[in-house]
């Protein structure tokens, strides 16, 4: 079994070559699914380090994007030993950037980290009207809806989306988390969301707490 602390540290340091080398030799050792899940958890701990360093100003947006890609590559490397049933176990998240906003960096990082945590993520994309969220929630009955936005006007679109979910009678059956630069506790209350975050790793933890 590999040293999980070293793996966590390598992910935190964004040492892609080392991470993928360690994972490759781990997979070749034909580990059990349980061991593989522990390795995924170690990778996630590494992502939490990345999130902390970003908050402290030591890492930048580019580092976050790279970390998201690194995590996706890590999970893909582990897929042969993760088993198909484990990936579907956590539940489905519907995710999108709201109408009028074209930013997707934060959304994409959150998507990678949610998938690494075992969620199935349906990414609607950018500039999505309230109706797109409503239709998808009706169709897939997710455990959570994630709305992302970087512009201040996104807050209005988020409120419209929550209102549309209420009108469709879907609000009570799904939790809503909003993320992005302009979101605050006050905005979260006004919009009517269940939680807000500006940190992708924290966002995944919040949703895990809901499941």
Protein backbone atom coordinates (compact mmCIF):
# COMPACT_ATOMS: atom_id res chain seq x y z
CA UNK A 1 0.00 0.00 0.00
CA UNK A 2 1.34 3.43 -0.86
CA UNK A 3 2.06 6.17 1.66
CA UNK A 4 -1.13 8.24 1.58
CA UNK A 5 0.50 11.21 3.33
CA UNK A 6 3.11 11.49 0.58
CA UNK A 7 0.36 11.30 -2.05
CA UNK A 8 -1.66 14.05 -0.31
CA UNK A 9 1.47 16.21 -0.15
CA UNK A 10 2.27 15.61 -3.84
CA UNK A 11 -1.28 16.64 -4.84
CA UNK A 12 -1.01 19.71 -2.61
CA UNK A 13 2.28 20.63 -4.29
CA UNK A 14 0.72 20.04 -7.75
CA UNK A 15 3.47 17.55 -8.55
CA UNK A 16 1.56 15.87 -11.37
CA UNK A 17 4.37 13.57 -12.50
CA UNK A 18 4.85 12.16 -9.04
CA UNK A 19 1.11 11.81 -8.35
CA UNK A 20 0.41 9.91 -11.57
CA UNK A 21 3.51 7.74 -11.11
CA UNK A 22 2.36 6.76 -7.61
CA UNK A 23 -1.19 6.05 -8.79
CA UNK A 24 -0.02 4.00 -11.75
CA UNK A 25 2.08 1.70 -9.61
CA UNK A 26 -0.77 1.52 -7.08
CA UNK A 27 -3.21 0.36 -9.80
CA UNK A 28 -0.69 -2.20 -11.07
CA UNK A 29 -0.67 -3.75 -7.58
CA UNK A 30 -4.36 -4.71 -8.09
CA UNK A 31 -5.62 -3.11 -4.88
CA UNK A 32 -9.07 -3.63 -3.41
CA UNK A 33 -11.81 -1.10 -4.06
CA UNK A 34 -11.66 -0.09 -0.41
CA UNK A 35 -7.94 0.73 -0.72
CA UNK A 36 -8.68 2.68 -3.90
CA UNK A 37 -11.29 4.76 -2.06
CA UNK A 38 -8.68 5.64 0.57
CA UNK A 39 -6.37 6.81 -2.20
CA UNK A 40 -9.17 9.00 -3.62
CA UNK A 41 -9.65 10.46 -0.13
CA UNK A 42 -5.91 11.20 0.05
CA UNK A 43 -6.12 13.02 -3.29
CA UNK A 44 -9.07 15.03 -1.96
CA UNK A 45 -7.07 15.98 1.13
CA UNK A 46 -4.40 17.24 -1.25
CA UNK A 47 -7.02 19.36 -3.01
CA UNK A 48 -8.02 20.83 0.35
CA UNK A 49 -4.37 21.92 0.78
CA UNK A 50 -4.56 23.56 -2.66
CA UNK A 51 -7.74 25.38 -1.58
CA UNK A 52 -6.07 26.61 1.62
CA UNK A 53 -3.00 27.85 -0.24
CA UNK A 54 -5.24 29.65 -2.71
CA UNK A 55 -7.07 31.37 0.15
CA UNK A 56 -3.73 32.44 1.64
CA UNK A 57 -2.73 33.94 -1.71
CA UNK A 58 0.12 31.47 -2.30
CA UNK A 59 -1.70 29.79 -5.21
CA UNK A 60 -3.56 31.55 -7.99
CA UNK A 61 -6.50 30.77 -10.27
CA UNK A 62 -4.19 29.04 -12.77
CA UNK A 63 -3.04 26.71 -9.99
CA UNK A 64 -6.66 25.90 -9.13
CA UNK A 65 -7.44 25.05 -12.76
CA UNK A 66 -4.34 22.85 -12.92
CA UNK A 67 -5.32 21.18 -9.63
CA UNK A 68 -8.78 20.39 -11.04
CA UNK A 69 -7.22 18.82 -14.12
CA UNK A 70 -4.72 16.91 -11.99
CA UNK A 71 -7.56 15.50 -9.91
CA UNK A 72 -9.51 14.47 -13.01
CA UNK A 73 -6.41 12.67 -14.36
CA UNK A 74 -5.88 11.02 -10.97
CA UNK A 75 -9.46 9.71 -10.86
CA UNK A 76 -9.20 8.48 -14.46
CA UNK A 77 -6.03 6.59 -13.54
CA UNK A 78 -7.83 4.99 -10.59
CA UNK A 79 -11.05 4.13 -12.47
CA UNK A 80 -10.05 0.51 -13.24
CA UNK A 81 -9.80 -0.23 -9.50
CA UNK A 82 -12.63 1.98 -8.25
CA UNK A 83 -15.44 -0.27 -9.42
CA UNK A 84 -18.47 1.05 -11.23
CA UNK A 85 -20.86 1.01 -8.29
CA UNK A 86 -18.79 3.34 -6.10
CA UNK A 87 -18.94 6.23 -8.54
CA UNK A 88 -22.71 6.41 -8.56
CA UNK A 89 -23.16 6.11 -4.82
CA UNK A 90 -22.97 9.72 -3.67
CA UNK A 91 -25.80 11.13 -5.79
CA UNK A 92 -26.28 13.54 -8.67
CA UNK A 93 -25.53 17.28 -8.74
CA UNK A 94 -26.92 19.64 -11.38
CA UNK A 95 -24.43 22.43 -11.94
CA UNK A 96 -24.35 25.53 -14.10
CA UNK A 97 -23.30 29.16 -14.46
CA UNK A 98 -26.44 31.30 -14.32
CA UNK A 99 -27.93 33.47 -17.07
CA UNK A 100 -25.86 36.48 -18.08
CA UNK A 101 -22.57 35.09 -16.75
CA UNK A 102 -19.97 33.41 -18.94
CA UNK A 103 -17.41 32.41 -16.30
CA UNK A 104 -16.76 28.74 -15.74
CA UNK A 105 -13.38 28.35 -14.02
CA UNK A 106 -14.80 28.00 -10.50
CA UNK A 107 -17.63 25.80 -11.78
CA UNK A 108 -15.21 23.48 -13.55
CA UNK A 109 -12.99 23.14 -10.48
CA UNK A 110 -16.04 22.37 -8.35
CA UNK A 111 -17.18 19.82 -10.93
CA UNK A 112 -13.82 17.98 -10.88
CA UNK A 113 -13.75 17.93 -7.10
CA UNK A 114 -17.38 16.74 -6.84
CA UNK A 115 -16.72 13.93 -9.31
CA UNK A 116 -13.65 12.95 -7.32
CA UNK A 117 -15.90 12.74 -4.26
CA UNK A 118 -18.10 10.22 -6.08
CA UNK A 119 -20.91 12.49 -7.27
CA UNK A 120 -22.31 12.34 -10.75
CA UNK A 121 -22.24 15.91 -12.06
CA UNK A 122 -24.51 17.15 -14.83
CA UNK A 123 -22.91 20.35 -16.05
CA UNK A 124 -25.38 22.60 -17.87
CA UNK A 125 -22.61 25.00 -18.94
CA UNK A 126 -22.51 28.81 -18.87
CA UNK A 127 -25.22 31.47 -19.25
CA UNK A 128 -28.03 29.08 -18.32
CA UNK A 129 -31.60 30.37 -17.91
CA UNK A 130 -33.71 29.36 -14.92
CA UNK A 131 -35.76 27.07 -17.17
CA UNK A 132 -32.69 24.94 -17.96
CA UNK A 133 -32.15 24.25 -14.25
CA UNK A 134 -35.85 23.50 -13.73
CA UNK A 135 -36.02 21.02 -16.62
CA UNK A 136 -32.87 19.19 -15.55
CA UNK A 137 -33.94 18.98 -11.89
CA UNK A 138 -37.29 17.50 -13.00
CA UNK A 139 -35.48 14.98 -15.18
CA UNK A 140 -32.69 13.71 -12.92
CA UNK A 141 -33.93 14.50 -9.36
CA UNK A 142 -30.48 15.52 -8.05
CA UNK A 143 -29.42 15.74 -4.40
CA UNK A 144 -28.21 19.30 -5.00
CA UNK A 145 -28.18 22.15 -7.48
CA UNK A 146 -25.00 24.22 -7.77
CA UNK A 147 -25.21 27.70 -9.26
CA UNK A 148 -22.10 29.62 -10.13
CA UNK A 149 -21.56 33.25 -11.01
CA UNK A 150 -18.76 35.80 -10.90
CA UNK A 151 -20.61 38.97 -11.90
CA UNK A 152 -22.82 40.86 -9.45
CA UNK A 153 -25.74 40.54 -11.87
CA UNK A 154 -25.48 36.76 -11.40
CA UNK A 155 -27.09 37.18 -7.97
CA UNK A 156 -30.33 38.34 -9.62
CA UNK A 157 -30.23 35.36 -12.00
CA UNK A 158 -29.63 33.00 -9.07
CA UNK A 159 -32.72 34.39 -7.29
CA UNK A 160 -34.76 33.98 -10.50
CA UNK A 161 -33.63 30.36 -10.72
CA UNK A 162 -34.56 29.58 -7.10
CA UNK A 163 -37.95 31.25 -7.65
CA UNK A 164 -38.49 29.20 -10.81
CA UNK A 165 -37.70 25.98 -8.90
CA UNK A 166 -40.24 27.06 -6.24
CA UNK A 167 -42.89 27.74 -8.88
CA UNK A 168 -42.27 24.32 -10.40
CA UNK A 169 -42.79 22.73 -6.98
CA UNK A 170 -39.22 21.40 -6.92
CA UNK A 171 -37.61 23.59 -4.27
CA UNK A 172 -38.40 21.36 -1.29
CA UNK A 173 -36.94 18.26 -2.91
CA UNK A 174 -33.48 19.66 -3.64
CA UNK A 175 -30.75 21.57 -1.79
CA UNK A 176 -29.23 24.62 -3.48
CA UNK A 177 -25.66 25.86 -3.13
CA UNK A 178 -24.38 29.03 -4.79
CA UNK A 179 -20.77 29.92 -5.44
CA UNK A 180 -18.66 32.71 -6.89
CA UNK A 181 -17.04 36.02 -6.00
CA UNK A 182 -20.17 38.08 -5.26
CA UNK A 183 -21.90 35.58 -2.98
CA UNK A 184 -22.21 36.46 0.70
CA UNK A 185 -24.31 35.24 3.60
CA UNK A 186 -26.78 38.08 2.97
CA UNK A 187 -26.97 37.29 -0.75
CA UNK A 188 -27.53 33.62 0.05
CA UNK A 189 -30.49 34.53 2.29
CA UNK A 190 -31.99 36.93 -0.27
CA UNK A 191 -31.62 34.39 -3.08
CA UNK A 192 -33.14 31.64 -0.93
CA UNK A 193 -30.28 29.16 -1.33
CA UNK A 194 -29.35 26.63 1.37
CA UNK A 195 -25.62 27.39 1.38
CA UNK A 196 -22.94 29.46 -0.31
CA UNK A 197 -19.21 29.11 -0.78
CA UNK A 198 -16.29 30.71 -2.57
CA UNK A 199 -14.14 27.60 -2.11
CA UNK A 200 -14.76 24.53 -4.26
CA UNK A 201 -13.41 22.09 -1.66
CA UNK A 202 -15.69 23.54 1.01
CA UNK A 203 -18.63 23.35 -1.40
CA UNK A 204 -18.11 19.63 -1.90
CA UNK A 205 -17.95 19.13 1.89
CA UNK A 206 -21.26 20.99 2.31
CA UNK A 207 -22.99 18.75 -0.24
CA UNK A 208 -21.49 15.63 1.31
CA UNK A 209 -23.08 16.75 4.57
CA UNK A 210 -26.48 16.88 2.84
CA UNK A 211 -26.40 13.37 1.43
